Protein backbone atom coordinates (compact mmCIF):
# COMPACT_ATOMS: atom_id res chain seq x y z
CA MET A 1 30.59 11.82 -43.95
CA ALA A 2 28.81 14.50 -42.62
CA GLU A 3 29.41 16.78 -45.59
CA PHE A 4 28.15 13.94 -47.50
CA CYS A 5 24.99 13.84 -45.33
CA HIS A 6 24.47 17.45 -45.88
CA ALA A 7 25.07 17.45 -49.35
CA THR A 8 22.45 14.53 -49.55
CA THR A 9 19.02 15.78 -51.02
CA THR A 10 17.38 12.55 -52.00
CA ALA A 11 18.37 8.99 -52.12
CA PRO A 12 15.43 7.65 -54.72
CA ASP A 13 17.95 4.82 -54.93
CA ALA A 14 17.57 3.87 -51.19
CA PHE A 15 13.40 4.49 -51.23
CA ASN A 16 12.47 0.63 -51.75
CA ALA A 17 14.94 -0.71 -49.42
CA ALA A 18 14.26 1.84 -46.79
CA GLN A 19 10.13 1.29 -47.47
CA LYS A 20 11.10 -2.50 -46.34
CA ALA A 21 12.64 -1.79 -43.09
CA LEU A 22 9.93 0.32 -42.48
CA LEU A 23 7.68 -2.38 -43.13
CA ASP A 24 9.43 -4.93 -40.95
CA LEU A 25 10.32 -2.81 -38.33
CA ILE A 26 7.27 -2.10 -37.39
CA GLY A 27 5.53 -5.06 -37.71
CA VAL A 28 8.57 -6.23 -35.21
CA ALA A 29 7.95 -3.17 -33.07
CA ALA A 30 3.63 -3.96 -32.87
CA ALA A 31 4.85 -7.23 -31.55
CA GLY A 32 7.12 -5.92 -29.13
CA ALA A 33 5.13 -3.61 -27.47
CA SER A 34 3.53 -5.98 -25.51
CA THR A 35 6.98 -7.72 -24.03
CA PRO A 36 7.70 -6.66 -20.93
CA ALA A 37 10.24 -4.16 -21.80
CA GLY A 38 8.30 -2.47 -23.76
CA SER A 39 5.29 -2.65 -21.23
CA ALA A 40 8.36 -0.62 -18.87
CA SER A 41 9.21 1.76 -21.24
CA ARG A 42 5.61 2.95 -22.00
CA ASP A 43 4.40 2.85 -18.72
CA ALA A 44 7.70 4.95 -17.16
CA ALA A 45 7.62 7.32 -20.56
CA ARG A 46 6.08 9.80 -18.92
CA GLU A 47 7.61 10.07 -15.71
CA LEU A 48 10.89 9.84 -17.83
CA TRP A 49 10.08 12.20 -20.02
CA GLY A 50 7.21 14.33 -19.91
CA GLU A 51 4.98 15.70 -23.10
CA GLY A 52 6.14 16.42 -26.20
CA PRO A 53 5.53 16.68 -30.14
CA ALA A 54 6.28 12.90 -30.97
CA GLY A 55 4.31 9.99 -31.10
CA LEU A 56 4.71 6.97 -28.94
CA TRP A 57 3.87 4.06 -31.52
CA PHE A 58 0.48 2.05 -30.82
CA SER A 59 -0.96 4.43 -28.54
CA THR A 60 -2.66 8.38 -27.93
CA ARG A 61 0.56 9.67 -25.48
CA ARG A 62 3.10 12.17 -26.81
CA LEU A 63 6.07 12.77 -25.91
CA PRO A 64 9.50 14.53 -26.35
CA THR A 65 11.22 13.13 -29.28
CA ALA A 66 14.03 11.35 -27.17
CA GLY A 67 11.53 9.71 -25.25
CA ALA A 68 9.48 8.61 -28.02
CA ALA A 69 12.10 7.06 -29.68
CA PHE A 70 13.54 5.32 -26.78
CA ALA A 71 10.28 3.76 -26.38
CA ASN A 72 9.62 2.86 -29.44
CA SER A 73 13.13 1.55 -30.26
CA THR A 74 12.33 -0.66 -27.05
CA TYR A 75 9.59 -2.05 -28.64
CA ALA A 76 11.54 -2.74 -32.02
CA ALA A 77 14.50 -4.61 -30.73
CA ALA A 78 12.83 -6.45 -27.65
CA LEU A 79 12.10 -9.74 -29.34
CA ASP A 80 15.74 -9.98 -31.51
CA LEU A 81 13.15 -9.96 -34.79
CA ASP A 82 14.75 -6.70 -36.07
CA ASP A 83 16.62 -6.21 -39.59
CA GLY A 84 20.81 -6.35 -39.55
CA HIS A 85 23.62 -6.17 -41.60
CA ARG A 86 26.48 -8.82 -41.58
CA GLY A 87 29.28 -6.48 -41.96
CA ALA A 88 28.60 -4.43 -38.85
CA ALA A 89 27.39 -7.51 -37.19
CA GLY A 90 24.54 -5.95 -35.53
CA HIS A 91 21.03 -3.89 -35.90
CA PRO A 92 20.68 -0.37 -37.34
CA GLY A 93 16.76 -0.12 -37.88
CA ALA A 94 15.74 -0.57 -34.40
CA ALA A 95 17.64 2.95 -33.50
CA ILE A 96 17.33 4.27 -36.85
CA ILE A 97 13.69 4.15 -37.82
CA PRO A 98 12.03 5.12 -34.29
CA ALA A 99 14.58 8.03 -34.63
CA VAL A 100 13.51 9.13 -38.08
CA LEU A 101 9.93 8.87 -37.32
CA SER A 102 9.88 10.77 -34.22
CA VAL A 103 11.68 13.88 -35.19
CA GLY A 104 9.90 13.46 -38.84
CA GLU A 105 7.05 14.33 -36.95
CA THR A 106 8.02 17.54 -35.31
CA VAL A 107 9.49 19.01 -38.63
CA ALA A 108 7.92 20.08 -41.92
CA CYS A 109 9.00 16.79 -44.41
CA ASN A 110 7.58 14.29 -47.00
CA ALA A 111 7.59 10.67 -47.61
CA ASP A 112 10.83 11.87 -49.89
CA GLN A 113 12.97 13.17 -46.66
CA LEU A 114 11.46 10.67 -44.22
CA LEU A 115 13.27 7.87 -46.48
CA THR A 116 15.99 9.88 -47.72
CA ALA A 117 16.92 10.17 -43.80
CA ILE A 118 16.34 6.01 -43.03
CA ALA A 119 19.08 5.72 -45.67
CA LEU A 120 21.82 8.05 -44.72
CA GLY A 121 20.90 6.82 -41.26
CA TYR A 122 21.76 3.30 -42.25
CA GLU A 123 24.19 4.29 -44.43
CA VAL A 124 26.60 6.10 -41.43
CA ALA A 125 25.93 3.42 -38.78
CA ILE A 126 26.36 0.51 -40.91
CA ARG A 127 29.68 2.05 -41.87
CA VAL A 128 30.68 3.13 -38.71
CA ALA A 129 30.04 -0.33 -37.24
CA ALA A 130 31.88 -2.66 -40.46
CA SER A 131 34.93 -0.58 -41.00
CA ARG A 132 36.01 -1.97 -37.27
CA ASN A 133 38.21 -5.09 -36.59
CA ILE A 134 35.01 -6.50 -36.10
CA GLY A 135 36.84 -9.92 -35.03
CA GLY A 136 39.12 -8.10 -32.32
CA LEU A 137 36.19 -6.48 -30.30
CA ARG A 138 35.14 -7.41 -27.09
CA THR A 139 31.73 -7.59 -28.04
CA THR A 140 29.62 -6.03 -31.16
CA ASP A 141 26.63 -4.61 -29.64
CA SER A 142 24.64 -2.30 -31.58
CA GLY A 143 24.49 0.33 -28.72
CA LEU A 144 28.23 1.01 -29.82
CA TRP A 145 27.52 1.90 -32.99
CA CYS A 146 24.24 3.01 -34.27
CA GLY A 147 23.78 6.21 -32.40
CA TYR A 148 26.17 7.69 -35.14
CA GLY A 149 23.34 7.21 -37.72
CA VAL A 150 21.11 8.33 -35.01
CA ALA A 151 22.39 11.82 -35.20
CA ALA A 152 23.39 12.26 -38.77
CA ALA A 153 19.93 11.33 -39.85
CA ALA A 154 17.92 13.16 -37.23
CA ALA A 155 20.76 16.35 -38.16
CA TRP A 156 20.13 15.97 -41.96
CA LEU A 157 16.24 15.74 -41.15
CA GLN A 158 16.43 19.23 -39.25
CA SER A 159 18.32 20.85 -41.62
CA LEU A 160 21.33 21.55 -39.38
CA PRO A 161 24.76 22.82 -41.29
CA ALA A 162 27.59 19.91 -41.61
CA SER A 163 29.56 21.00 -38.85
CA SER A 164 26.70 20.62 -36.31
CA ILE A 165 25.77 17.16 -37.94
CA ALA A 166 29.44 16.19 -37.44
CA HIS A 167 29.71 17.24 -33.75
CA ALA A 168 26.28 15.66 -33.63
CA MET A 169 28.23 12.18 -34.85
CA ALA A 170 31.08 12.98 -32.70
CA ILE A 171 29.20 13.91 -29.55
CA ALA A 172 26.83 10.81 -29.82
CA GLY A 173 29.86 8.06 -30.77
CA GLN A 174 31.69 9.44 -27.22
CA THR A 175 28.88 9.60 -25.05
CA SER A 176 27.16 6.05 -26.74
CA THR A 177 26.39 3.07 -24.23
CA SER A 178 29.53 1.15 -22.34
CA GLN A 179 27.48 -2.78 -22.24
CA SER A 180 29.89 -2.95 -19.85
CA ALA A 181 28.66 -6.71 -18.75
CA THR A 182 28.77 -8.02 -22.57
CA GLY A 183 30.67 -10.89 -22.42
CA TRP A 184 30.33 -12.00 -19.30
CA THR A 185 26.63 -11.76 -17.82
CA ARG A 186 24.91 -14.73 -18.01
CA SER A 187 21.72 -12.91 -16.91
CA GLY A 188 18.61 -12.65 -19.26
CA HIS A 189 17.81 -8.67 -19.24
CA THR A 190 15.93 -6.07 -21.35
CA VAL A 191 18.92 -3.60 -21.97
CA LYS A 192 20.23 -5.97 -24.33
CA GLU A 193 22.39 -4.19 -26.84
CA GLY A 194 21.81 -0.89 -25.61
CA ILE A 195 19.96 0.37 -28.64
CA PRO A 196 17.23 2.15 -26.65
CA TRP A 197 19.72 4.26 -24.65
CA ALA A 198 21.90 5.27 -27.88
CA THR A 199 19.05 5.95 -29.60
CA ALA A 200 17.67 8.33 -27.22
CA ASN A 201 21.48 9.87 -26.62
CA ALA A 202 22.06 10.67 -29.70
CA LEU A 203 18.96 12.81 -30.36
CA LYS A 204 20.08 14.66 -27.18
CA ALA A 205 23.41 14.94 -28.93
CA VAL A 206 21.19 16.27 -32.23
CA ALA A 207 20.86 18.76 -29.63
CA LEU A 208 23.86 19.64 -28.10
CA ALA A 209 24.92 20.33 -31.24
CA ALA A 210 22.75 22.37 -32.93
CA HIS A 211 23.31 24.62 -29.81
CA GLY A 212 27.11 24.75 -29.87
CA HIS A 213 28.71 21.79 -28.08
CA ARG A 214 31.43 20.13 -29.29
CA GLY A 215 32.02 16.32 -30.19
CA PRO A 216 36.08 15.35 -31.01
CA LEU A 217 35.71 15.14 -34.30
CA ASP A 218 38.32 12.97 -35.14
CA ILE A 219 36.88 10.13 -33.44
CA LEU A 220 36.75 8.18 -36.45
CA ASP A 221 40.18 9.42 -37.41
CA GLU A 222 42.71 6.23 -35.92
CA PRO A 223 43.83 3.89 -39.10
CA ALA A 224 44.07 1.35 -36.22
CA GLN A 225 40.53 1.09 -35.06
CA TYR A 226 38.37 2.07 -38.02
CA ASP A 227 39.14 1.21 -42.21
CA HIS A 228 39.21 4.70 -43.47
CA LEU A 229 37.85 3.48 -46.94
CA LYS A 230 35.45 1.15 -45.67
CA LEU A 231 33.71 4.41 -43.84
CA THR A 232 33.65 6.46 -46.43
CA GLY A 233 34.49 4.48 -50.02
CA ARG A 234 31.55 4.79 -52.52
CA LEU A 235 29.22 7.05 -50.00
CA GLY A 236 26.26 7.66 -51.61
CA ARG A 237 26.88 4.45 -54.64
CA ASP A 238 26.07 1.53 -53.26
CA TRP A 239 23.24 2.15 -50.07
CA THR A 240 24.05 -0.14 -47.32
CA ILE A 241 19.87 -0.03 -46.25
CA GLY A 242 19.78 -2.57 -49.57
CA GLN A 243 21.92 -5.05 -47.92
CA VAL A 244 20.44 -5.86 -44.44
CA TYR A 245 19.19 -8.95 -43.48
CA PHE A 246 15.88 -9.69 -42.20
CA LYS A 247 14.52 -12.26 -39.73
CA ARG A 248 11.82 -14.80 -39.11
CA TYR A 249 13.20 -16.04 -35.71
CA SER A 250 13.38 -14.08 -32.50
CA CYS A 251 16.58 -15.22 -31.63
CA CYS A 252 20.44 -14.07 -32.27
CA ARG A 253 21.21 -14.21 -35.92
CA TRP A 254 24.28 -16.12 -34.82
CA ALA A 255 21.32 -19.20 -34.19
CA HIS A 256 19.53 -18.67 -37.74
CA ALA A 257 21.45 -21.03 -39.64
CA ALA A 258 21.42 -23.56 -37.52
CA ILE A 259 18.35 -23.42 -36.75
CA ASP A 260 17.35 -23.64 -40.88
CA ALA A 261 19.59 -26.79 -41.27
CA ALA A 262 18.01 -28.49 -38.45
CA LEU A 263 14.48 -28.03 -40.35
CA GLU A 264 15.60 -28.96 -43.15
CA ILE A 265 17.11 -32.02 -41.93
CA LYS A 266 13.62 -33.09 -40.36
CA ARG A 267 11.84 -31.96 -43.12
CA THR A 268 13.55 -33.74 -46.12
CA HIS A 269 13.65 -37.10 -43.67
CA SER A 270 10.41 -36.92 -42.01
CA LEU A 271 11.58 -37.01 -38.25
CA ALA A 272 9.76 -36.32 -35.52
CA SER A 273 11.51 -34.58 -32.59
CA GLU A 274 11.09 -37.30 -30.04
CA ASN A 275 13.18 -39.46 -32.00
CA ILE A 276 16.17 -37.37 -32.14
CA LYS A 277 19.05 -39.00 -29.89
CA ALA A 278 21.76 -36.21 -30.39
CA ILE A 279 22.03 -33.31 -32.22
CA THR A 280 25.65 -32.11 -32.88
CA VAL A 281 26.13 -27.97 -34.23
CA GLU A 282 29.37 -27.00 -35.61
CA THR A 283 29.63 -23.01 -36.33
CA PHE A 284 32.16 -20.09 -35.98
CA GLU A 285 33.80 -19.61 -32.91
CA ARG A 286 32.25 -16.05 -32.09
CA ALA A 287 28.88 -18.37 -31.87
CA LEU A 288 30.25 -19.92 -28.46
CA THR A 289 30.66 -16.93 -26.77
CA LEU A 290 26.49 -16.37 -26.18
CA PRO A 291 25.14 -17.33 -23.14
CA ASN A 292 23.36 -20.52 -24.82
CA GLN A 293 21.50 -21.62 -21.76
CA CYS A 294 20.00 -25.10 -22.65
CA GLU A 295 17.40 -24.03 -19.99
CA PRO A 296 17.36 -20.42 -20.21
CA GLU A 297 14.49 -18.51 -17.64
CA THR A 298 13.62 -15.54 -19.66
CA ASN A 299 12.89 -15.05 -22.92
CA GLU A 300 16.11 -12.38 -23.44
CA ALA A 301 18.25 -15.13 -22.24
CA ALA A 302 16.35 -17.48 -24.95
CA GLN A 303 17.13 -15.24 -27.79
CA TYR A 304 21.00 -15.94 -27.07
CA SER A 305 20.36 -19.68 -27.06
CA ILE A 306 21.22 -21.81 -29.88
CA PRO A 307 20.54 -25.13 -28.18
CA PHE A 308 17.17 -23.82 -27.21
CA CYS A 309 16.12 -22.06 -30.29
CA ILE A 310 16.94 -24.95 -32.46
CA ALA A 311 15.32 -27.22 -30.07
CA LEU A 312 12.13 -25.16 -30.10
CA ALA A 313 12.27 -24.53 -33.65
CA LEU A 314 12.52 -28.81 -34.19
CA VAL A 315 9.18 -29.92 -31.25
CA HIS A 316 6.63 -26.76 -32.88
CA GLY A 317 8.18 -25.40 -35.99
CA PRO A 318 9.62 -21.76 -36.96
CA VAL A 319 6.20 -20.10 -36.00
CA SER A 320 7.27 -20.81 -32.91
CA LEU A 321 10.26 -17.96 -32.77
CA LEU A 322 7.63 -15.50 -34.53
CA PRO A 323 8.30 -14.62 -31.94
CA LEU A 324 9.51 -16.84 -28.86
CA ASP A 325 6.81 -16.95 -26.31
CA ASP A 326 7.60 -17.09 -22.56
CA ARG A 327 5.93 -20.48 -22.03
CA HIS A 328 7.82 -22.43 -24.09
CA LEU A 329 10.58 -21.74 -21.28
CA VAL A 330 9.17 -24.22 -19.20
CA ASP A 331 8.01 -26.68 -21.85
CA ASP A 332 9.25 -29.91 -21.06
CA GLN A 333 9.45 -31.34 -24.30
CA VAL A 334 11.42 -28.40 -25.60
CA LEU A 335 14.18 -28.14 -22.27
CA ALA A 336 14.55 -32.02 -23.09
CA LEU A 337 15.99 -31.98 -26.16
CA SER A 338 18.00 -28.82 -26.14
CA ARG A 339 19.83 -30.27 -23.57
CA LYS A 340 20.53 -32.77 -25.95
CA VAL A 341 22.36 -30.12 -28.25
CA ARG A 342 26.67 -29.82 -28.40
CA LEU A 343 28.37 -26.82 -29.73
CA THR A 344 31.24 -26.60 -31.40
CA ALA A 345 33.64 -24.64 -33.14
CA ALA A 346 34.44 -26.15 -36.86
CA GLU A 347 37.83 -25.13 -38.34
CA ASP A 348 36.50 -24.22 -41.74
CA TYR A 349 34.33 -21.45 -39.96
CA SER A 350 36.84 -19.90 -38.50
CA ARG A 351 37.19 -16.52 -41.22
CA SER A 352 33.98 -16.58 -42.05
CA PHE A 353 32.72 -14.04 -38.95
CA PRO A 354 31.18 -11.35 -39.52
CA GLU A 355 30.87 -11.72 -43.14
CA SER A 356 28.85 -14.68 -42.69
CA THR A 357 27.06 -16.88 -39.80
CA PRO A 358 27.21 -20.29 -41.10
CA SER A 359 26.38 -23.89 -39.43
CA ARG A 360 26.65 -27.42 -39.54
CA VAL A 361 23.96 -29.17 -37.95
CA THR A 362 23.90 -33.00 -37.21
CA LEU A 363 21.04 -34.73 -36.31
CA THR A 364 21.62 -38.40 -34.36
CA THR A 365 18.22 -40.79 -34.62
CA SER A 366 17.29 -44.24 -33.70
CA VAL A 367 17.40 -45.29 -37.49
CA GLY A 368 20.26 -42.85 -38.83
CA GLN A 369 22.90 -39.71 -38.85
CA TYR A 370 21.73 -37.05 -40.99
CA THR A 371 23.42 -33.83 -41.57
CA GLN A 372 22.51 -30.04 -43.03
CA GLU A 373 25.22 -27.26 -43.92
CA VAL A 374 23.64 -23.55 -44.17
CA ILE A 375 26.08 -20.79 -45.31
CA THR A 376 23.65 -17.84 -45.84
CA PRO A 377 20.65 -18.11 -43.81
CA LEU A 378 16.96 -17.03 -44.78
CA GLY A 379 16.96 -13.40 -44.76
CA GLU A 380 20.06 -12.30 -46.28
CA PRO A 381 20.63 -10.46 -49.49
CA ALA A 382 22.39 -13.67 -51.15
CA ASN A 383 19.00 -15.76 -49.24
CA PRO A 384 16.70 -13.01 -49.14
CA LEU A 385 13.11 -12.84 -47.61
CA LEU A 386 11.20 -11.00 -50.75
CA LEU A 387 8.25 -8.16 -49.95
CA ALA A 388 5.28 -10.69 -50.03
CA ASP A 389 7.77 -12.49 -47.56
CA LEU A 390 8.09 -9.28 -44.97
CA GLU A 391 4.12 -8.42 -45.61
CA ALA A 392 2.79 -11.83 -44.36
CA LYS A 393 5.52 -11.67 -41.47
CA PHE A 394 4.00 -8.20 -40.52
CA ASP A 395 0.76 -9.62 -41.23
CA HIS A 396 1.47 -12.49 -38.67
CA LEU A 397 3.03 -10.17 -36.24
CA SER A 398 -0.08 -8.21 -36.49
CA HIS A 399 -2.62 -10.97 -34.90
CA LEU A 400 -0.19 -10.67 -32.24
CA SER A 401 -0.32 -7.55 -31.61
CA PRO A 402 -3.29 -5.82 -29.00
CA ALA A 403 -4.16 -3.44 -31.65
CA ARG A 404 -8.03 -3.16 -32.66
CA PRO A 405 -9.12 -5.22 -35.93
CA GLY A 406 -7.90 -3.68 -39.17
CA GLN A 407 -5.52 -1.03 -37.60
CA MET A 408 -2.24 -2.99 -38.21
CA GLN A 409 -3.72 -3.03 -42.35
CA ILE A 410 -4.21 0.30 -42.49
CA ILE A 411 -0.56 0.74 -41.08
CA LYS A 412 0.54 -1.52 -43.50
CA GLN A 413 -1.10 0.57 -46.09
CA ALA A 414 0.35 3.86 -45.30
CA ILE A 415 3.90 2.41 -45.72
CA ALA A 416 3.15 1.05 -48.94
CA ALA A 417 1.43 4.33 -50.51
CA LEU A 418 5.08 6.16 -49.35
CA ASP A 419 6.34 7.82 -52.44
CA ALA A 420 8.80 10.73 -52.94
CA SER A 421 5.76 13.05 -52.98
CA ALA A 422 3.56 11.95 -49.85
CA ASN A 423 2.13 13.23 -47.20
CA LEU A 424 2.86 11.57 -43.43
CA LYS A 425 -0.41 12.56 -42.08
CA GLU A 426 -1.52 9.02 -42.65
CA LEU A 427 1.17 7.08 -41.93
CA PHE A 428 1.56 9.03 -38.44
CA ALA A 429 -2.25 8.93 -37.67
CA ALA A 430 -2.27 5.42 -38.50
CA LEU A 431 0.94 4.75 -35.68
CA GLU A 432 -1.70 6.23 -33.04
CA PHE A 433 -4.10 4.46 -31.29
CA ALA A 434 -4.94 2.67 -28.05
CA LEU A 435 -3.65 -0.25 -27.07
């Protein structure tokens, strides 16, 4: 895999997908910057990391690359609005893009190289994640695997030899986040999937590898753990970044099909949320392992609650999840409807995950019972959010950002202007402003 990265000079077939991923991620991060997690990372940044050459987005502060990537990754992951990949069962963009942009500010690179690095990062991270037997894993948290892609992308962007890329990947993988509480904690917390920690850790791994540290190069070589065909088959032919999904709801992807189904029933039958007596959600078994609290106390806990997110969408519409707002945590109407949701595992979905995350929803009202199934939620490659949709999402989130008027549109224009020869100064300058 390292040799493939080292031999790659450009990835034009992946440029459009990388631009879309960049647009989506920056919009999501702008909204995430004002969350408690985002504020904490920003406020602690100088104490933790000191001064450096890389920009802390939406500010005038400059940090070491690992520190800037950590904080920017926190912004991107805070609201659970970041992109993901179905086969990987997780989120590459919130790690790869902050890392690549942080490193990109410190080396002489153009848009061609920046977009190629993003594509390579997605390629490596997604392949590592998707090559595992995901159904048998305790957790699929992205912090366990996104560091491989960060290390590969950052090492490539710094023109390191294949041996250093390989050791950086191995070090990042060996020292990835443990996510030890995932699976039993019911406490909403801002560590979540550990993406920022894995991102910063992987950038440290690159520096260590460049100076001679060695990692276990056979870390991916165990056939019982990793499918080698998924790791290396057709490398560079079918770029995985073109297969990511994008979100319109700030919650776990496992809830999206159920939300889509519930909203479709409400729209089709012109139902009022107050007339709903019961909600039954049939879904894949893995979704039942989420905390799924009917009355979550934090935004993060709400992001992992299928009952709450369905209720919120039915009461206040899909825009209430773009993003999920803390004020709804104490909304009596939402909480009352959330308590009416019953989750159950559907036998016909038993083999769906991770390839798909389907749901079948039945709404029982005083006048009848209505059922809707969604196999492919909106935003998947087979049911895509188009560029216009992503631009609308960016614009909506821009209005929630504390940026001065017009600043987010300057960022959007700078991303749209990227082509193979574009200078990156306009993009980096646009990302630098005071909140």
